[in-house]
């Protein structure tokens, strides 16, 4: 995706549980970082498994 043309600094992924929010948000964060942008990925899910996501 071409993230450079987006006019916002924040992207939120919301939906019901079990639909792939962690997977998609992690992939988007990697894509944005690869484009040279700074990224902060935050999860408010107490059962989050972001630490398990790797390249």
PDB file of N, CA and C in Angstrom:
ATOM      1  N   UNK A   1       0.830  -1.185   0.000  1.00  0.00           N
ATOM      2  CA  UNK A   1       0.000   0.000   0.000  1.00  0.00           C
ATOM      3  C   UNK A   1       0.869   1.241   0.000  1.00  0.00           C
ATOM      4  N   UNK A   2       0.401   2.288  -0.593  1.00  0.00           N
ATOM      5  CA  UNK A   2       1.141   3.546  -0.603  1.00  0.00           C
ATOM      6  C   UNK A   2       0.705   4.385   0.592  1.00  0.00           C
ATOM      7  N   UNK A   3       1.454   4.292   1.673  1.00  0.00           N
ATOM      8  CA  UNK A   3       1.113   5.009   2.902  1.00  0.00           C
ATOM      9  C   UNK A   3       1.558   6.462   2.856  1.00  0.00           C
ATOM     10  N   UNK A   4       2.460   6.809   1.959  1.00  0.00           N
ATOM     11  CA  UNK A   4       3.028   8.157   1.951  1.00  0.00           C
ATOM     12  C   UNK A   4       1.996   9.221   1.590  1.00  0.00           C
ATOM     13  N   UNK A   5       0.964   8.871   0.866  1.00  0.00           N
ATOM     14  CA  UNK A   5      -0.039   9.840   0.470  1.00  0.00           C
ATOM     15  C   UNK A   5      -1.148  10.059   1.483  1.00  0.00           C
ATOM     16  N   UNK A   6      -1.123   9.310   2.563  1.00  0.00           N
ATOM     17  CA  UNK A   6      -2.171   9.426   3.578  1.00  0.00           C
ATOM     18  C   UNK A   6      -1.992  10.729   4.345  1.00  0.00           C
ATOM     19  N   UNK A   7      -3.064  11.439   4.571  1.00  0.00           N
ATOM     20  CA  UNK A   7      -2.999  12.719   5.258  1.00  0.00           C
ATOM     21  C   UNK A   7      -3.158  12.621   6.762  1.00  0.00           C
ATOM     22  N   UNK A   8      -3.079  11.440   7.308  1.00  0.00           N
ATOM     23  CA  UNK A   8      -3.265  11.264   8.747  1.00  0.00           C
ATOM     24  C   UNK A   8      -2.017  10.668   9.387  1.00  0.00           C
ATOM     25  N   UNK A   9      -1.837  10.942  10.659  1.00  0.00           N
ATOM     26  CA  UNK A   9      -0.706  10.374  11.392  1.00  0.00           C
ATOM     27  C   UNK A   9      -1.104   9.131  12.163  1.00  0.00           C
ATOM     28  N   UNK A  10      -2.396   8.852  12.253  1.00  0.00           N
ATOM     29  CA  UNK A  10      -2.877   7.738  13.070  1.00  0.00           C
ATOM     30  C   UNK A  10      -3.759   6.812  12.245  1.00  0.00           C
ATOM     31  N   UNK A  11      -3.579   5.531  12.446  1.00  0.00           N
ATOM     32  CA  UNK A  11      -4.435   4.518  11.823  1.00  0.00           C
ATOM     33  C   UNK A  11      -4.896   3.594  12.930  1.00  0.00           C
ATOM     34  N   UNK A  12      -6.183   3.378  13.035  1.00  0.00           N
ATOM     35  CA  UNK A  12      -6.744   2.501  14.065  1.00  0.00           C
ATOM     36  C   UNK A  12      -7.388   1.295  13.397  1.00  0.00           C
ATOM     37  N   UNK A  13      -7.164   0.145  13.971  1.00  0.00           N
ATOM     38  CA  UNK A  13      -7.786  -1.084  13.489  1.00  0.00           C
ATOM     39  C   UNK A  13      -8.747  -1.555  14.570  1.00  0.00           C
ATOM     40  N   UNK A  14     -10.018  -1.559  14.267  1.00  0.00           N
ATOM     41  CA  UNK A  14     -11.030  -2.007  15.222  1.00  0.00           C
ATOM     42  C   UNK A  14     -11.971  -2.996  14.555  1.00  0.00           C
ATOM     43  N   UNK A  15     -12.423  -3.934  15.309  1.00  0.00           N
ATOM     44  CA  UNK A  15     -13.401  -4.920  14.848  1.00  0.00           C
ATOM     45  C   UNK A  15     -13.639  -5.890  15.994  1.00  0.00           C
ATOM     46  N   UNK A  16     -14.520  -6.847  15.768  1.00  0.00           N
ATOM     47  CA  UNK A  16     -14.769  -7.839  16.807  1.00  0.00           C
ATOM     48  C   UNK A  16     -13.568  -8.764  16.939  1.00  0.00           C
ATOM     49  N   UNK A  17     -13.543  -9.544  17.971  1.00  0.00           N
ATOM     50  CA  UNK A  17     -12.416 -10.427  18.227  1.00  0.00           C
ATOM     51  C   UNK A  17     -12.260 -11.527  17.198  1.00  0.00           C
ATOM     52  N   UNK A  18     -11.027 -11.878  16.920  1.00  0.00           N
ATOM     53  CA  UNK A  18     -10.742 -13.019  16.057  1.00  0.00           C
ATOM     54  C   UNK A  18     -10.811 -12.761  14.571  1.00  0.00           C
ATOM     55  N   UNK A  19     -10.748 -11.496  14.155  1.00  0.00           N
ATOM     56  CA  UNK A  19     -10.861 -11.206  12.722  1.00  0.00           C
ATOM     57  C   UNK A  19      -9.519 -10.860  12.074  1.00  0.00           C
ATOM     58  N   UNK A  20      -8.438 -10.841  12.848  1.00  0.00           N
ATOM     59  CA  UNK A  20      -7.118 -10.613  12.272  1.00  0.00           C
ATOM     60  C   UNK A  20      -6.556  -9.214  12.463  1.00  0.00           C
ATOM     61  N   UNK A  21      -7.041  -8.490  13.459  1.00  0.00           N
ATOM     62  CA  UNK A  21      -6.551  -7.120  13.691  1.00  0.00           C
ATOM     63  C   UNK A  21      -5.059  -7.091  13.997  1.00  0.00           C
ATOM     64  N   UNK A  22      -4.574  -8.011  14.806  1.00  0.00           N
ATOM     65  CA  UNK A  22      -3.155  -8.040  15.156  1.00  0.00           C
ATOM     66  C   UNK A  22      -2.313  -8.326  13.923  1.00  0.00           C
ATOM     67  N   UNK A  23      -2.729  -9.269  13.130  1.00  0.00           N
ATOM     68  CA  UNK A  23      -1.991  -9.625  11.915  1.00  0.00           C
ATOM     69  C   UNK A  23      -1.930  -8.458  10.940  1.00  0.00           C
ATOM     70  N   UNK A  24      -3.068  -7.828  10.685  1.00  0.00           N
ATOM     71  CA  UNK A  24      -3.120  -6.729   9.723  1.00  0.00           C
ATOM     72  C   UNK A  24      -2.379  -5.506  10.246  1.00  0.00           C
ATOM     73  N   UNK A  25      -2.557  -5.178  11.527  1.00  0.00           N
ATOM     74  CA  UNK A  25      -1.880  -3.999  12.067  1.00  0.00           C
ATOM     75  C   UNK A  25      -0.368  -4.206  12.096  1.00  0.00           C
ATOM     76  N   UNK A  26       0.086  -5.404  12.384  1.00  0.00           N
ATOM     77  CA  UNK A  26       1.518  -5.692  12.372  1.00  0.00           C
ATOM     78  C   UNK A  26       2.091  -5.582  10.962  1.00  0.00           C
ATOM     79  N   UNK A  27       1.381  -6.135  10.002  1.00  0.00           N
ATOM     80  CA  UNK A  27       1.832  -6.056   8.604  1.00  0.00           C
ATOM     81  C   UNK A  27       1.858  -4.613   8.127  1.00  0.00           C
ATOM     82  N   UNK A  28       0.846  -3.842   8.504  1.00  0.00           N
ATOM     83  CA  UNK A  28       0.806  -2.423   8.113  1.00  0.00           C
ATOM     84  C   UNK A  28       1.958  -1.659   8.762  1.00  0.00           C
ATOM     85  N   UNK A  29       2.254  -1.939  10.014  1.00  0.00           N
ATOM     86  CA  UNK A  29       3.349  -1.265  10.716  1.00  0.00           C
ATOM     87  C   UNK A  29       4.686  -1.570  10.052  1.00  0.00           C
ATOM     88  N   UNK A  30       4.901  -2.803   9.659  1.00  0.00           N
ATOM     89  CA  UNK A  30       6.142  -3.181   8.974  1.00  0.00           C
ATOM     90  C   UNK A  30       6.230  -2.471   7.628  1.00  0.00           C
ATOM     91  N   UNK A  31       5.127  -2.410   6.906  1.00  0.00           N
ATOM     92  CA  UNK A  31       5.102  -1.752   5.599  1.00  0.00           C
ATOM     93  C   UNK A  31       5.422  -0.265   5.721  1.00  0.00           C
ATOM     94  N   UNK A  32       4.832   0.386   6.707  1.00  0.00           N
ATOM     95  CA  UNK A  32       5.077   1.813   6.928  1.00  0.00           C
ATOM     96  C   UNK A  32       6.533   2.041   7.336  1.00  0.00           C
ATOM     97  N   UNK A  33       7.052   1.195   8.208  1.00  0.00           N
ATOM     98  CA  UNK A  33       8.454   1.318   8.630  1.00  0.00           C
ATOM     99  C   UNK A  33       9.397   1.097   7.450  1.00  0.00           C
ATOM    100  N   UNK A  34       9.072   0.141   6.597  1.00  0.00           N
ATOM    101  CA  UNK A  34       9.898  -0.115   5.411  1.00  0.00           C
ATOM    102  C   UNK A  34       9.888   1.068   4.454  1.00  0.00           C
ATOM    103  N   UNK A  35       8.828   1.878   4.513  1.00  0.00           N
ATOM    104  CA  UNK A  35       8.737   3.079   3.676  1.00  0.00           C
ATOM    105  C   UNK A  35       9.508   4.247   4.286  1.00  0.00           C
ATOM    106  N   UNK A  36      10.160   3.998   5.432  1.00  0.00           N
ATOM    107  CA  UNK A  36      10.987   5.025   6.043  1.00  0.00           C
ATOM    108  C   UNK A  36      10.289   5.894   7.073  1.00  0.00           C
ATOM    109  N   UNK A  37       9.086   5.540   7.449  1.00  0.00           N
ATOM    110  CA  UNK A  37       8.348   6.321   8.445  1.00  0.00           C
ATOM    111  C   UNK A  37       8.556   5.734   9.827  1.00  0.00           C
ATOM    112  N   UNK A  38       8.440   6.580  10.843  1.00  0.00           N
ATOM    113  CA  UNK A  38       8.510   6.101  12.228  1.00  0.00           C
ATOM    114  C   UNK A  38       7.176   5.482  12.603  1.00  0.00           C
ATOM    115  N   UNK A  39       7.233   4.404  13.375  1.00  0.00           N
ATOM    116  CA  UNK A  39       6.020   3.659  13.712  1.00  0.00           C
ATOM    117  C   UNK A  39       5.997   3.354  15.203  1.00  0.00           C
ATOM    118  N   UNK A  40       4.841   3.534  15.798  1.00  0.00           N
ATOM    119  CA  UNK A  40       4.591   3.077  17.163  1.00  0.00           C
ATOM    120  C   UNK A  40       3.334   2.221  17.094  1.00  0.00           C
ATOM    121  N   UNK A  41       3.461   0.955  17.386  1.00  0.00           N
ATOM    122  CA  UNK A  41       2.335   0.026  17.341  1.00  0.00           C
ATOM    123  C   UNK A  41       1.919  -0.279  18.772  1.00  0.00           C
ATOM    124  N   UNK A  42       0.679   0.020  19.105  1.00  0.00           N
ATOM    125  CA  UNK A  42       0.169  -0.134  20.465  1.00  0.00           C
ATOM    126  C   UNK A  42      -1.056  -1.033  20.431  1.00  0.00           C
ATOM    127  N   UNK A  43      -1.119  -1.943  21.376  1.00  0.00           N
ATOM    128  CA  UNK A  43      -2.303  -2.785  21.528  1.00  0.00           C
ATOM    129  C   UNK A  43      -2.887  -2.570  22.915  1.00  0.00           C
ATOM    130  N   UNK A  44      -4.189  -2.444  22.984  1.00  0.00           N
ATOM    131  CA  UNK A  44      -4.865  -2.315  24.277  1.00  0.00           C
ATOM    132  C   UNK A  44      -5.512  -3.626  24.702  1.00  0.00           C
ATOM    133  N   UNK A  45      -5.285  -4.658  23.931  1.00  0.00           N
ATOM    134  CA  UNK A  45      -5.847  -5.971  24.235  1.00  0.00           C
ATOM    135  C   UNK A  45      -5.008  -6.642  25.324  1.00  0.00           C
ATOM    136  N   UNK A  46      -5.607  -6.985  26.466  1.00  0.00           N
ATOM    137  CA  UNK A  46      -4.830  -7.632  27.524  1.00  0.00           C
ATOM    138  C   UNK A  46      -4.283  -9.000  27.105  1.00  0.00           C
ATOM    139  N   UNK A  47      -4.880  -9.605  26.103  1.00  0.00           N
ATOM    140  CA  UNK A  47      -4.400 -10.897  25.615  1.00  0.00           C
ATOM    141  C   UNK A  47      -3.622 -10.744  24.310  1.00  0.00           C
ATOM    142  N   UNK A  48      -3.082  -9.561  24.083  1.00  0.00           N
ATOM    143  CA  UNK A  48      -2.382  -9.285  22.831  1.00  0.00           C
ATOM    144  C   UNK A  48      -1.177 -10.196  22.654  1.00  0.00           C
ATOM    145  N   UNK A  49      -0.923 -10.540  21.423  1.00  0.00           N
ATOM    146  CA  UNK A  49       0.242 -11.366  21.121  1.00  0.00           C
ATOM    147  C   UNK A  49       1.173 -10.644  20.141  1.00  0.00           C
ATOM    148  N   UNK A  50       1.265  -9.323  20.245  1.00  0.00           N
ATOM    149  CA  UNK A  50       2.146  -8.566  19.365  1.00  0.00           C
ATOM    150  C   UNK A  50       3.602  -9.006  19.503  1.00  0.00           C
ATOM    151  N   UNK A  51       3.999  -9.406  20.691  1.00  0.00           N
ATOM    152  CA  UNK A  51       5.378  -9.840  20.890  1.00  0.00           C
ATOM    153  C   UNK A  51       5.703 -11.093  20.085  1.00  0.00           C
ATOM    154  N   UNK A  52       4.681 -11.844  19.720  1.00  0.00           N
ATOM    155  CA  UNK A  52       4.890 -13.056  18.927  1.00  0.00           C
ATOM    156  C   UNK A  52       5.050 -12.761  17.447  1.00  0.00           C
ATOM    157  N   UNK A  53       4.677 -11.564  17.025  1.00  0.00           N
ATOM    158  CA  UNK A  53       4.755 -11.200  15.623  1.00  0.00           C
ATOM    159  C   UNK A  53       6.192 -10.823  15.293  1.00  0.00           C
ATOM    160  N   UNK A  54       6.734 -11.380  14.256  1.00  0.00           N
ATOM    161  CA  UNK A  54       8.107 -11.044  13.845  1.00  0.00           C
ATOM    162  C   UNK A  54       8.183 -11.097  12.343  1.00  0.00           C
ATOM    163  N   UNK A  55       9.231 -10.523  11.850  1.00  0.00           N
ATOM    164  CA  UNK A  55       9.454 -10.493  10.399  1.00  0.00           C
ATOM    165  C   UNK A  55      10.018 -11.788   9.915  1.00  0.00           C
TER     166      UNK A  55
END
